[in-house]
Amino acid sequence: MKGLVIGQKVSVGALQSAHGFKPYLFRLYVPEKENLVFGVYQGEVFAFTGFNPRKDPPDYQMGAYIPDSLVEKALALAHAKADLQKDVDTIRKYVILDEPQ
């Protein structure tokens, strides 16, 4: 599938952003699949949809062929993460305990 390799400084967390640290990341971008962006940061795969290059323009981009199977896995990860994100309050209820249950 046709996509792009994009490069830009990104915010990766509140603490790092507060101290002015924004790493430069190269990521894969597939506009035809819900504006999917995915890559690896500190050994962990990340994926999300809805990237807007007009709002957050990369300062590097190059065309790339990305295997369809990889794109589909990344899209499934992005959807699963977005779905699980809806349950943040429920998850917190189980991991932030005042006393053992």
PDB file of N, CA and C in Angstrom:
ATOM      1  N   MET A   1       0.848  -1.172   0.000  1.00  0.00           N
ATOM      2  CA  MET A   1       0.000   0.000   0.000  1.00  0.00           C
ATOM      3  C   MET A   1       0.894   1.236   0.000  1.00  0.00           C
ATOM      4  N   LYS A   2       0.486   2.234  -0.741  1.00  0.00           N
ATOM      5  CA  LYS A   2       1.266   3.467  -0.777  1.00  0.00           C
ATOM      6  C   LYS A   2       1.063   4.250   0.509  1.00  0.00           C
ATOM      7  N   GLY A   3       2.140   4.782   1.014  1.00  0.00           N
ATOM      8  CA  GLY A   3       2.108   5.601   2.211  1.00  0.00           C
ATOM      9  C   GLY A   3       3.288   6.546   2.194  1.00  0.00           C
ATOM     10  N   LEU A   4       3.547   7.134   3.336  1.00  0.00           N
ATOM     11  CA  LEU A   4       4.662   8.069   3.473  1.00  0.00           C
ATOM     12  C   LEU A   4       5.439   7.763   4.744  1.00  0.00           C
ATOM     13  N   VAL A   5       6.735   8.000   4.683  1.00  0.00           N
ATOM     14  CA  VAL A   5       7.530   8.081   5.898  1.00  0.00           C
ATOM     15  C   VAL A   5       7.546   9.565   6.233  1.00  0.00           C
ATOM     16  N   ILE A   6       7.129   9.910   7.452  1.00  0.00           N
ATOM     17  CA  ILE A   6       7.130  11.318   7.861  1.00  0.00           C
ATOM     18  C   ILE A   6       8.039  11.485   9.070  1.00  0.00           C
ATOM     19  N   GLY A   7       8.606  12.653   9.187  1.00  0.00           N
ATOM     20  CA  GLY A   7       9.470  12.964  10.318  1.00  0.00           C
ATOM     21  C   GLY A   7       9.083  14.297  10.907  1.00  0.00           C
ATOM     22  N   GLN A   8       9.035  14.338  12.237  1.00  0.00           N
ATOM     23  CA  GLN A   8       8.726  15.588  12.924  1.00  0.00           C
ATOM     24  C   GLN A   8       8.971  15.426  14.417  1.00  0.00           C
ATOM     25  N   LYS A   9       9.084  16.564  15.098  1.00  0.00           N
ATOM     26  CA  LYS A   9       9.160  16.546  16.558  1.00  0.00           C
ATOM     27  C   LYS A   9       7.755  16.311  17.084  1.00  0.00           C
ATOM     28  N   VAL A  10       7.648  15.478  18.111  1.00  0.00           N
ATOM     29  CA  VAL A  10       6.334  15.138  18.640  1.00  0.00           C
ATOM     30  C   VAL A  10       6.334  15.209  20.163  1.00  0.00           C
ATOM     31  N   SER A  11       5.160  15.448  20.726  1.00  0.00           N
ATOM     32  CA  SER A  11       4.983  15.374  22.168  1.00  0.00           C
ATOM     33  C   SER A  11       4.711  13.930  22.531  1.00  0.00           C
ATOM     34  N   VAL A  12       5.416  13.417  23.518  1.00  0.00           N
ATOM     35  CA  VAL A  12       5.238  12.020  23.899  1.00  0.00           C
ATOM     36  C   VAL A  12       4.718  11.860  25.324  1.00  0.00           C
ATOM     37  N   GLY A  13       4.644  12.928  26.073  1.00  0.00           N
ATOM     38  CA  GLY A  13       4.131  12.834  27.429  1.00  0.00           C
ATOM     39  C   GLY A  13       4.161  14.192  28.094  1.00  0.00           C
ATOM     40  N   ALA A  14       3.304  14.370  29.070  1.00  0.00           N
ATOM     41  CA  ALA A  14       3.186  15.661  29.744  1.00  0.00           C
ATOM     42  C   ALA A  14       4.483  16.072  30.428  1.00  0.00           C
ATOM     43  N   LEU A  15       5.131  15.135  31.114  1.00  0.00           N
ATOM     44  CA  LEU A  15       6.361  15.464  31.840  1.00  0.00           C
ATOM     45  C   LEU A  15       7.464  15.873  30.871  1.00  0.00           C
ATOM     46  N   GLN A  16       7.622  15.116  29.797  1.00  0.00           N
ATOM     47  CA  GLN A  16       8.651  15.450  28.819  1.00  0.00           C
ATOM     48  C   GLN A  16       8.343  16.765  28.123  1.00  0.00           C
ATOM     49  N   SER A  17       7.080  17.006  27.801  1.00  0.00           N
ATOM     50  CA  SER A  17       6.701  18.254  27.148  1.00  0.00           C
ATOM     51  C   SER A  17       6.920  19.449  28.065  1.00  0.00           C
ATOM     52  N   ALA A  18       6.636  19.266  29.363  1.00  0.00           N
ATOM     53  CA  ALA A  18       6.810  20.350  30.329  1.00  0.00           C
ATOM     54  C   ALA A  18       8.266  20.788  30.418  1.00  0.00           C
ATOM     55  N   HIS A  19       9.171  19.852  30.170  1.00  0.00           N
ATOM     56  CA  HIS A  19      10.597  20.166  30.222  1.00  0.00           C
ATOM     57  C   HIS A  19      11.174  20.495  28.853  1.00  0.00           C
ATOM     58  N   GLY A  20      10.296  20.647  27.881  1.00  0.00           N
ATOM     59  CA  GLY A  20      10.734  21.057  26.553  1.00  0.00           C
ATOM     60  C   GLY A  20      11.323  19.957  25.697  1.00  0.00           C
ATOM     61  N   PHE A  21      11.187  18.707  26.119  1.00  0.00           N
ATOM     62  CA  PHE A  21      11.732  17.594  25.348  1.00  0.00           C
ATOM     63  C   PHE A  21      10.700  17.100  24.352  1.00  0.00           C
ATOM     64  N   LYS A  22      11.034  17.192  23.090  1.00  0.00           N
ATOM     65  CA  LYS A  22      10.186  16.649  22.026  1.00  0.00           C
ATOM     66  C   LYS A  22      11.094  15.869  21.097  1.00  0.00           C
ATOM     67  N   PRO A  23      11.003  14.539  21.135  1.00  0.00           N
ATOM     68  CA  PRO A  23      11.878  13.760  20.262  1.00  0.00           C
ATOM     69  C   PRO A  23      11.468  13.889  18.797  1.00  0.00           C
ATOM     70  N   TYR A  24      12.431  13.694  17.933  1.00  0.00           N
ATOM     71  CA  TYR A  24      12.169  13.678  16.501  1.00  0.00           C
ATOM     72  C   TYR A  24      11.909  12.239  16.114  1.00  0.00           C
ATOM     73  N   LEU A  25      10.736  11.969  15.573  1.00  0.00           N
ATOM     74  CA  LEU A  25      10.361  10.607  15.204  1.00  0.00           C
ATOM     75  C   LEU A  25      10.076  10.490  13.718  1.00  0.00           C
ATOM     76  N   PHE A  26      10.460   9.363  13.179  1.00  0.00           N
ATOM     77  CA  PHE A  26      10.041   8.980  11.842  1.00  0.00           C
ATOM     78  C   PHE A  26       8.900   7.985  12.018  1.00  0.00           C
ATOM     79  N   ARG A  27       7.803   8.221  11.314  1.00  0.00           N
ATOM     80  CA  ARG A  27       6.619   7.377  11.448  1.00  0.00           C
ATOM     81  C   ARG A  27       6.083   7.051  10.061  1.00  0.00           C
ATOM     82  N   LEU A  28       5.251   6.051   9.994  1.00  0.00           N
ATOM     83  CA  LEU A  28       4.585   5.698   8.739  1.00  0.00           C
ATOM     84  C   LEU A  28       3.199   6.320   8.731  1.00  0.00           C
ATOM     85  N   TYR A  29       2.824   6.883   7.603  1.00  0.00           N
ATOM     86  CA  TYR A  29       1.541   7.577   7.469  1.00  0.00           C
ATOM     87  C   TYR A  29       0.816   7.017   6.252  1.00  0.00           C
ATOM     88  N   VAL A  30      -0.435   6.591   6.466  1.00  0.00           N
ATOM     89  CA  VAL A  30      -1.248   6.022   5.386  1.00  0.00           C
ATOM     90  C   VAL A  30      -2.562   6.806   5.321  1.00  0.00           C
ATOM     91  N   PRO A  31      -2.631   7.842   4.482  1.00  0.00           N
ATOM     92  CA  PRO A  31      -3.828   8.678   4.418  1.00  0.00           C
ATOM     93  C   PRO A  31      -5.095   7.917   4.041  1.00  0.00           C
ATOM     94  N   GLU A  32      -4.977   6.907   3.174  1.00  0.00           N
ATOM     95  CA  GLU A  32      -6.150   6.173   2.696  1.00  0.00           C
ATOM     96  C   GLU A  32      -6.793   5.288   3.766  1.00  0.00           C
ATOM     97  N   LYS A  33      -6.122   5.080   4.865  1.00  0.00           N
ATOM     98  CA  LYS A  33      -6.645   4.246   5.952  1.00  0.00           C
ATOM     99  C   LYS A  33      -6.893   5.114   7.192  1.00  0.00           C
ATOM    100  N   GLU A  34      -7.882   5.999   7.079  1.00  0.00           N
ATOM    101  CA  GLU A  34      -8.310   6.845   8.208  1.00  0.00           C
ATOM    102  C   GLU A  34      -7.175   7.732   8.731  1.00  0.00           C
ATOM    103  N   ASN A  35      -6.280   8.143   7.838  1.00  0.00           N
ATOM    104  CA  ASN A  35      -5.125   8.963   8.232  1.00  0.00           C
ATOM    105  C   ASN A  35      -4.316   8.289   9.332  1.00  0.00           C
ATOM    106  N   LEU A  36      -4.053   7.005   9.120  1.00  0.00           N
ATOM    107  CA  LEU A  36      -3.319   6.169  10.067  1.00  0.00           C
ATOM    108  C   LEU A  36      -1.856   6.583  10.153  1.00  0.00           C
ATOM    109  N   VAL A  37      -1.360   6.666  11.389  1.00  0.00           N
ATOM    110  CA  VAL A  37       0.060   6.885  11.653  1.00  0.00           C
ATOM    111  C   VAL A  37       0.501   5.784  12.610  1.00  0.00           C
ATOM    112  N   PHE A  38       1.652   5.178  12.320  1.00  0.00           N
ATOM    113  CA  PHE A  38       2.180   4.187  13.257  1.00  0.00           C
ATOM    114  C   PHE A  38       3.693   4.117  13.161  1.00  0.00           C
ATOM    115  N   GLY A  39       4.289   3.561  14.199  1.00  0.00           N
ATOM    116  CA  GLY A  39       5.744   3.457  14.258  1.00  0.00           C
ATOM    117  C   GLY A  39       6.157   2.799  15.552  1.00  0.00           C
ATOM    118  N   VAL A  40       7.412   3.039  15.924  1.00  0.00           N
ATOM    119  CA  VAL A  40       7.985   2.459  17.141  1.00  0.00           C
ATOM    120  C   VAL A  40       8.658   3.581  17.917  1.00  0.00           C
ATOM    121  N   TYR A  41       8.393   3.636  19.219  1.00  0.00           N
ATOM    122  CA  TYR A  41       9.057   4.603  20.099  1.00  0.00           C
ATOM    123  C   TYR A  41       9.486   3.854  21.352  1.00  0.00           C
ATOM    124  N   GLN A  42      10.746   3.922  21.677  1.00  0.00           N
ATOM    125  CA  GLN A  42      11.334   3.235  22.823  1.00  0.00           C
ATOM    126  C   GLN A  42      10.949   1.755  22.853  1.00  0.00           C
ATOM    127  N   GLY A  43      11.012   1.126  21.687  1.00  0.00           N
ATOM    128  CA  GLY A  43      10.757  -0.297  21.582  1.00  0.00           C
ATOM    129  C   GLY A  43       9.299  -0.712  21.585  1.00  0.00           C
ATOM    130  N   GLU A  44       8.386   0.229  21.647  1.00  0.00           N
ATOM    131  CA  GLU A  44       6.953  -0.065  21.678  1.00  0.00           C
ATOM    132  C   GLU A  44       6.277   0.436  20.413  1.00  0.00           C
ATOM    133  N   VAL A  45       5.413  -0.399  19.860  1.00  0.00           N
ATOM    134  CA  VAL A  45       4.654  -0.020  18.671  1.00  0.00           C
ATOM    135  C   VAL A  45       3.507   0.902  19.088  1.00  0.00           C
ATOM    136  N   PHE A  46       3.271   1.931  18.327  1.00  0.00           N
ATOM    137  CA  PHE A  46       2.121   2.809  18.554  1.00  0.00           C
ATOM    138  C   PHE A  46       1.381   2.973  17.240  1.00  0.00           C
ATOM    139  N   ALA A  47       0.110   3.284  17.333  1.00  0.00           N
ATOM    140  CA  ALA A  47      -0.704   3.509  16.140  1.00  0.00           C
ATOM    141  C   ALA A  47      -1.907   4.353  16.520  1.00  0.00           C
ATOM    142  N   PHE A  48      -2.268   5.274  15.648  1.00  0.00           N
ATOM    143  CA  PHE A  48      -3.476   6.067  15.857  1.00  0.00           C
ATOM    144  C   PHE A  48      -4.004   6.531  14.508  1.00  0.00           C
ATOM    145  N   THR A  49      -5.263   6.874  14.476  1.00  0.00           N
ATOM    146  CA  THR A  49      -5.888   7.385  13.264  1.00  0.00           C
ATOM    147  C   THR A  49      -6.216   8.864  13.459  1.00  0.00           C
ATOM    148  N   GLY A  50      -6.564   9.514  12.365  1.00  0.00           N
ATOM    149  CA  GLY A  50      -6.995  10.910  12.440  1.00  0.00           C
ATOM    150  C   GLY A  50      -5.879  11.928  12.351  1.00  0.00           C
ATOM    151  N   PHE A  51      -4.699  11.521  11.919  1.00  0.00           N
ATOM    152  CA  PHE A  51      -3.598  12.472  11.778  1.00  0.00           C
ATOM    153  C   PHE A  51      -3.978  13.542  10.763  1.00  0.00           C
ATOM    154  N   ASN A  52      -3.690  14.787  11.090  1.00  0.00           N
ATOM    155  CA  ASN A  52      -4.000  15.908  10.201  1.00  0.00           C
ATOM    156  C   ASN A  52      -2.700  16.617   9.829  1.00  0.00           C
ATOM    157  N   PRO A  53      -2.149  16.334   8.646  1.00  0.00           N
ATOM    158  CA  PRO A  53      -0.880  16.955   8.271  1.00  0.00           C
ATOM    159  C   PRO A  53      -0.965  18.460   8.039  1.00  0.00           C
ATOM    160  N   ARG A  54      -2.164  18.968   7.836  1.00  0.00           N
ATOM    161  CA  ARG A  54      -2.305  20.436   7.701  1.00  0.00           C
ATOM    162  C   ARG A  54      -2.179  21.114   9.060  1.00  0.00           C
ATOM    163  N   LYS A  55      -2.706  20.459  10.092  1.00  0.00           N
ATOM    164  CA  LYS A  55      -2.638  21.011  11.444  1.00  0.00           C
ATOM    165  C   LYS A  55      -1.247  20.817  12.051  1.00  0.00           C
ATOM    166  N   ASP A  56      -0.630  19.684  11.758  1.00  0.00           N
ATOM    167  CA  ASP A  56       0.663  19.331  12.338  1.00  0.00           C
ATOM    168  C   ASP A  56       1.604  18.853  11.222  1.00  0.00           C
ATOM    169  N   PRO A  57       2.053  19.773  10.379  1.00  0.00           N
ATOM    170  CA  PRO A  57       2.803  19.369   9.188  1.00  0.00           C
ATOM    171  C   PRO A  57       4.173  18.764   9.514  1.00  0.00           C
ATOM    172  N   PRO A  58       4.464  17.616   8.909  1.00  0.00           N
ATOM    173  CA  PRO A  58       5.801  17.040   9.084  1.00  0.00           C
ATOM    174  C   PRO A  58       6.825  17.862   8.311  1.00  0.00           C
ATOM    175  N   ASP A  59       8.063  17.882   8.804  1.00  0.00           N
ATOM    176  CA  ASP A  59       9.084  18.620   8.058  1.00  0.00           C
ATOM    177  C   ASP A  59       9.911  17.680   7.186  1.00  0.00           C
ATOM    178  N   TYR A  60       9.544  16.399   7.188  1.00  0.00           N
ATOM    179  CA  TYR A  60      10.174  15.435   6.291  1.00  0.00           C
ATOM    180  C   TYR A  60       9.107  14.469   5.819  1.00  0.00           C
ATOM    181  N   GLN A  61       9.113  14.164   4.542  1.00  0.00           N
ATOM    182  CA  GLN A  61       8.242  13.106   4.050  1.00  0.00           C
ATOM    183  C   GLN A  61       8.815  12.504   2.788  1.00  0.00           C
ATOM    184  N   MET A  62       8.615  11.195   2.675  1.00  0.00           N
ATOM    185  CA  MET A  62       9.104  10.472   1.519  1.00  0.00           C
ATOM    186  C   MET A  62       8.128   9.342   1.237  1.00  0.00           C
ATOM    187  N   GLY A  63       7.814   9.118  -0.014  1.00  0.00           N
ATOM    188  CA  GLY A  63       6.922   8.042  -0.394  1.00  0.00           C
ATOM    189  C   GLY A  63       7.483   6.686   0.013  1.00  0.00           C
ATOM    190  N   ALA A  64       6.584   5.770   0.361  1.00  0.00           N
ATOM    191  CA  ALA A  64       7.015   4.436   0.774  1.00  0.00           C
ATOM    192  C   ALA A  64       5.931   3.430   0.426  1.00  0.00           C
ATOM    193  N   TYR A  65       6.373   2.203   0.158  1.00  0.00           N
ATOM    194  CA  TYR A  65       5.431   1.102   0.008  1.00  0.00           C
ATOM    195  C   TYR A  65       5.408   0.364   1.342  1.00  0.00           C
ATOM    196  N   ILE A  66       4.212   0.201   1.908  1.00  0.00           N
ATOM    197  CA  ILE A  66       4.050  -0.464   3.201  1.00  0.00           C
ATOM    198  C   ILE A  66       3.186  -1.701   2.969  1.00  0.00           C
ATOM    199  N   PRO A  67       3.641  -2.878   3.380  1.00  0.00           N
ATOM    200  CA  PRO A  67       2.850  -4.092   3.155  1.00  0.00           C
ATOM    201  C   PRO A  67       1.432  -3.964   3.721  1.00  0.00           C
ATOM    202  N   ASP A  68       0.454  -4.400   2.949  1.00  0.00           N
ATOM    203  CA  ASP A  68      -0.943  -4.327   3.379  1.00  0.00           C
ATOM    204  C   ASP A  68      -1.161  -4.986   4.732  1.00  0.00           C
ATOM    205  N   SER A  69      -0.500  -6.136   4.960  1.00  0.00           N
ATOM    206  CA  SER A  69      -0.693  -6.850   6.228  1.00  0.00           C
ATOM    207  C   SER A  69      -0.235  -6.011   7.413  1.00  0.00           C
ATOM    208  N   LEU A  70       0.839  -5.256   7.248  1.00  0.00           N
ATOM    209  CA  LEU A  70       1.338  -4.393   8.315  1.00  0.00           C
ATOM    210  C   LEU A  70       0.370  -3.242   8.573  1.00  0.00           C
ATOM    211  N   VAL A  71      -0.145  -2.673   7.504  1.00  0.00           N
ATOM    212  CA  VAL A  71      -1.117  -1.575   7.632  1.00  0.00           C
ATOM    213  C   VAL A  71      -2.372  -2.067   8.357  1.00  0.00           C
ATOM    214  N   GLU A  72      -2.868  -3.243   7.995  1.00  0.00           N
ATOM    215  CA  GLU A  72      -4.080  -3.773   8.636  1.00  0.00           C
ATOM    216  C   GLU A  72      -3.848  -4.054  10.116  1.00  0.00           C
ATOM    217  N   LYS A  73      -2.680  -4.578  10.482  1.00  0.00           N
ATOM    218  CA  LYS A  73      -2.366  -4.813  11.896  1.00  0.00           C
ATOM    219  C   LYS A  73      -2.303  -3.492  12.663  1.00  0.00           C
ATOM    220  N   ALA A  74      -1.671  -2.492  12.066  1.00  0.00           N
ATOM    221  CA  ALA A  74      -1.561  -1.184  12.726  1.00  0.00           C
ATOM    222  C   ALA A  74      -2.934  -0.538  12.875  1.00  0.00           C
ATOM    223  N   LEU A  75      -3.777  -0.683  11.859  1.00  0.00           N
ATOM    224  CA  LEU A  75      -5.121  -0.121  11.933  1.00  0.00           C
ATOM    225  C   LEU A  75      -5.933  -0.821  13.023  1.00  0.00           C
ATOM    226  N   ALA A  76      -5.796  -2.140  13.131  1.00  0.00           N
ATOM    227  CA  ALA A  76      -6.490  -2.890  14.183  1.00  0.00           C
ATOM    228  C   ALA A  76      -6.004  -2.441  15.565  1.00  0.00           C
ATOM    229  N   LEU A  77      -4.697  -2.202  15.712  1.00  0.00           N
ATOM    230  CA  LEU A  77      -4.152  -1.715  16.981  1.00  0.00           C
ATOM    231  C   LEU A  77      -4.718  -0.340  17.322  1.00  0.00           C
ATOM    232  N   ALA A  78      -4.765   0.544  16.338  1.00  0.00           N
ATOM    233  CA  ALA A  78      -5.297   1.890  16.565  1.00  0.00           C
ATOM    234  C   ALA A  78      -6.757   1.831  16.998  1.00  0.00           C
ATOM    235  N   HIS A  79      -7.546   0.980  16.355  1.00  0.00           N
ATOM    236  CA  HIS A  79      -8.959   0.843  16.720  1.00  0.00           C
ATOM    237  C   HIS A  79      -9.113   0.241  18.110  1.00  0.00           C
ATOM    238  N   ALA A  80      -8.327  -0.791  18.421  1.00  0.00           N
ATOM    239  CA  ALA A  80      -8.410  -1.430  19.745  1.00  0.00           C
ATOM    240  C   ALA A  80      -8.026  -0.444  20.842  1.00  0.00           C
ATOM    241  N   LYS A  81      -6.981   0.334  20.601  1.00  0.00           N
ATOM    242  CA  LYS A  81      -6.549   1.317  21.602  1.00  0.00           C
ATOM    243  C   LYS A  81      -7.618   2.389  21.800  1.00  0.00           C
ATOM    244  N   ALA A  82      -8.202   2.872  20.715  1.00  0.00           N
ATOM    245  CA  ALA A  82      -9.249   3.893  20.818  1.00  0.00           C
ATOM    246  C   ALA A  82     -10.461   3.348  21.562  1.00  0.00           C
ATOM    247  N   ASP A  83     -10.805   2.078  21.317  1.00  0.00           N
ATOM    248  CA  ASP A  83     -11.928   1.456  22.002  1.00  0.00           C
ATOM    249  C   ASP A  83     -11.639   1.291  23.486  1.00  0.00           C
ATOM    250  N   LEU A  84     -10.444   0.832  23.821  1.00  0.00           N
ATOM    251  CA  LEU A  84     -10.072   0.651  25.223  1.00  0.00           C
ATOM    252  C   LEU A  84      -9.951   1.988  25.952  1.00  0.00           C
ATOM    253  N   GLN A  85      -9.566   3.025  25.242  1.00  0.00           N
ATOM    254  CA  GLN A  85      -9.433   4.363  25.838  1.00  0.00           C
ATOM    255  C   GLN A  85     -10.761   4.833  26.433  1.00  0.00           C
ATOM    256  N   LYS A  86     -11.871   4.359  25.878  1.00  0.00           N
ATOM    257  CA  LYS A  86     -13.186   4.721  26.400  1.00  0.00           C
ATOM    258  C   LYS A  86     -13.403   4.183  27.819  1.00  0.00           C
ATOM    259  N   ASP A  87     -12.614   3.188  28.204  1.00  0.00           N
ATOM    260  CA  ASP A  87     -12.758   2.555  29.512  1.00  0.00           C
ATOM    261  C   ASP A  87     -11.719   3.012  30.533  1.00  0.00           C
ATOM    262  N   VAL A  88     -11.110   4.150  30.316  1.00  0.00           N
ATOM    263  CA  VAL A  88     -10.061   4.636  31.208  1.00  0.00           C
ATOM    264  C   VAL A  88     -10.545   4.708  32.651  1.00  0.00           C
ATOM    265  N   ASP A  89     -11.717   5.261  32.878  1.00  0.00           N
ATOM    266  CA  ASP A  89     -12.211   5.388  34.248  1.00  0.00           C
ATOM    267  C   ASP A  89     -12.411   4.024  34.902  1.00  0.00           C
ATOM    268  N   THR A  90     -12.908   3.064  34.172  1.00  0.00           N
ATOM    269  CA  THR A  90     -13.102   1.717  34.713  1.00  0.00           C
ATOM    270  C   THR A  90     -11.760   1.073  35.025  1.00  0.00           C
ATOM    271  N   ILE A  91     -10.798   1.235  34.158  1.00  0.00           N
ATOM    272  CA  ILE A  91      -9.470   0.674  34.390  1.00  0.00           C
ATOM    273  C   ILE A  91      -8.854   1.289  35.634  1.00  0.00           C
ATOM    274  N   ARG A  92      -8.950   2.605  35.752  1.00  0.00           N
ATOM    275  CA  ARG A  92      -8.395   3.287  36.937  1.00  0.00           C
ATOM    276  C   ARG A  92      -9.016   2.776  38.219  1.00  0.00           C
ATOM    277  N   LYS A  93     -10.285   2.459  38.161  1.00  0.00           N
ATOM    278  CA  LYS A  93     -10.980   1.955  39.344  1.00  0.00           C
ATOM    279  C   LYS A  93     -10.304   0.686  39.865  1.00  0.00           C
ATOM    280  N   TYR A  94      -9.741  -0.109  38.983  1.00  0.00           N
ATOM    281  CA  TYR A  94      -9.118  -1.369  39.380  1.00  0.00           C
ATOM    282  C   TYR A  94      -7.635  -1.252  39.694  1.00  0.00           C
ATOM    283  N   VAL A  95      -6.969  -0.249  39.205  1.00  0.00           N
ATOM    284  CA  VAL A  95      -5.529  -0.135  39.466  1.00  0.00           C
ATOM    285  C   VAL A  95      -5.178   0.923  40.487  1.00  0.00           C
ATOM    286  N   ILE A  96      -6.054   1.844  40.751  1.00  0.00           N
ATOM    287  CA  ILE A  96      -5.793   2.851  41.772  1.00  0.00           C
ATOM    288  C   ILE A  96      -6.728   2.557  42.940  1.00  0.00           C
ATOM    289  N   LEU A  97      -6.233   1.749  43.847  1.00  0.00           N
ATOM    290  CA  LEU A  97      -7.052   1.283  44.944  1.00  0.00           C
ATOM    291  C   LEU A  97      -6.660   1.972  46.245  1.00  0.00           C
ATOM    292  N   ASP A  98      -7.657   2.373  47.021  1.00  0.00           N
ATOM    293  CA  ASP A  98      -7.392   2.951  48.333  1.00  0.00           C
ATOM    294  C   ASP A  98      -7.077   1.841  49.337  1.00  0.00           C
ATOM    295  N   GLU A  99      -7.705   0.717  49.201  1.00  0.00           N
ATOM    296  CA  GLU A  99      -7.464  -0.418  50.088  1.00  0.00           C
ATOM    297  C   GLU A  99      -7.706  -1.698  49.301  1.00  0.00           C
ATOM    298  N   PRO A 100      -7.073  -2.771  49.705  1.00  0.00           N
ATOM    299  CA  PRO A 100      -7.257  -4.038  48.992  1.00  0.00           C
ATOM    300  C   PRO A 100      -8.715  -4.483  49.003  1.00  0.00           C
ATOM    301  N   GLN A 101      -9.118  -5.123  47.921  1.00  0.00           N
ATOM    302  CA  GLN A 101     -10.497  -5.628  47.859  1.00  0.00           C
ATOM    303  C   GLN A 101     -10.534  -7.121  47.954  1.00  0.00           C
TER     304      GLN A 101
END
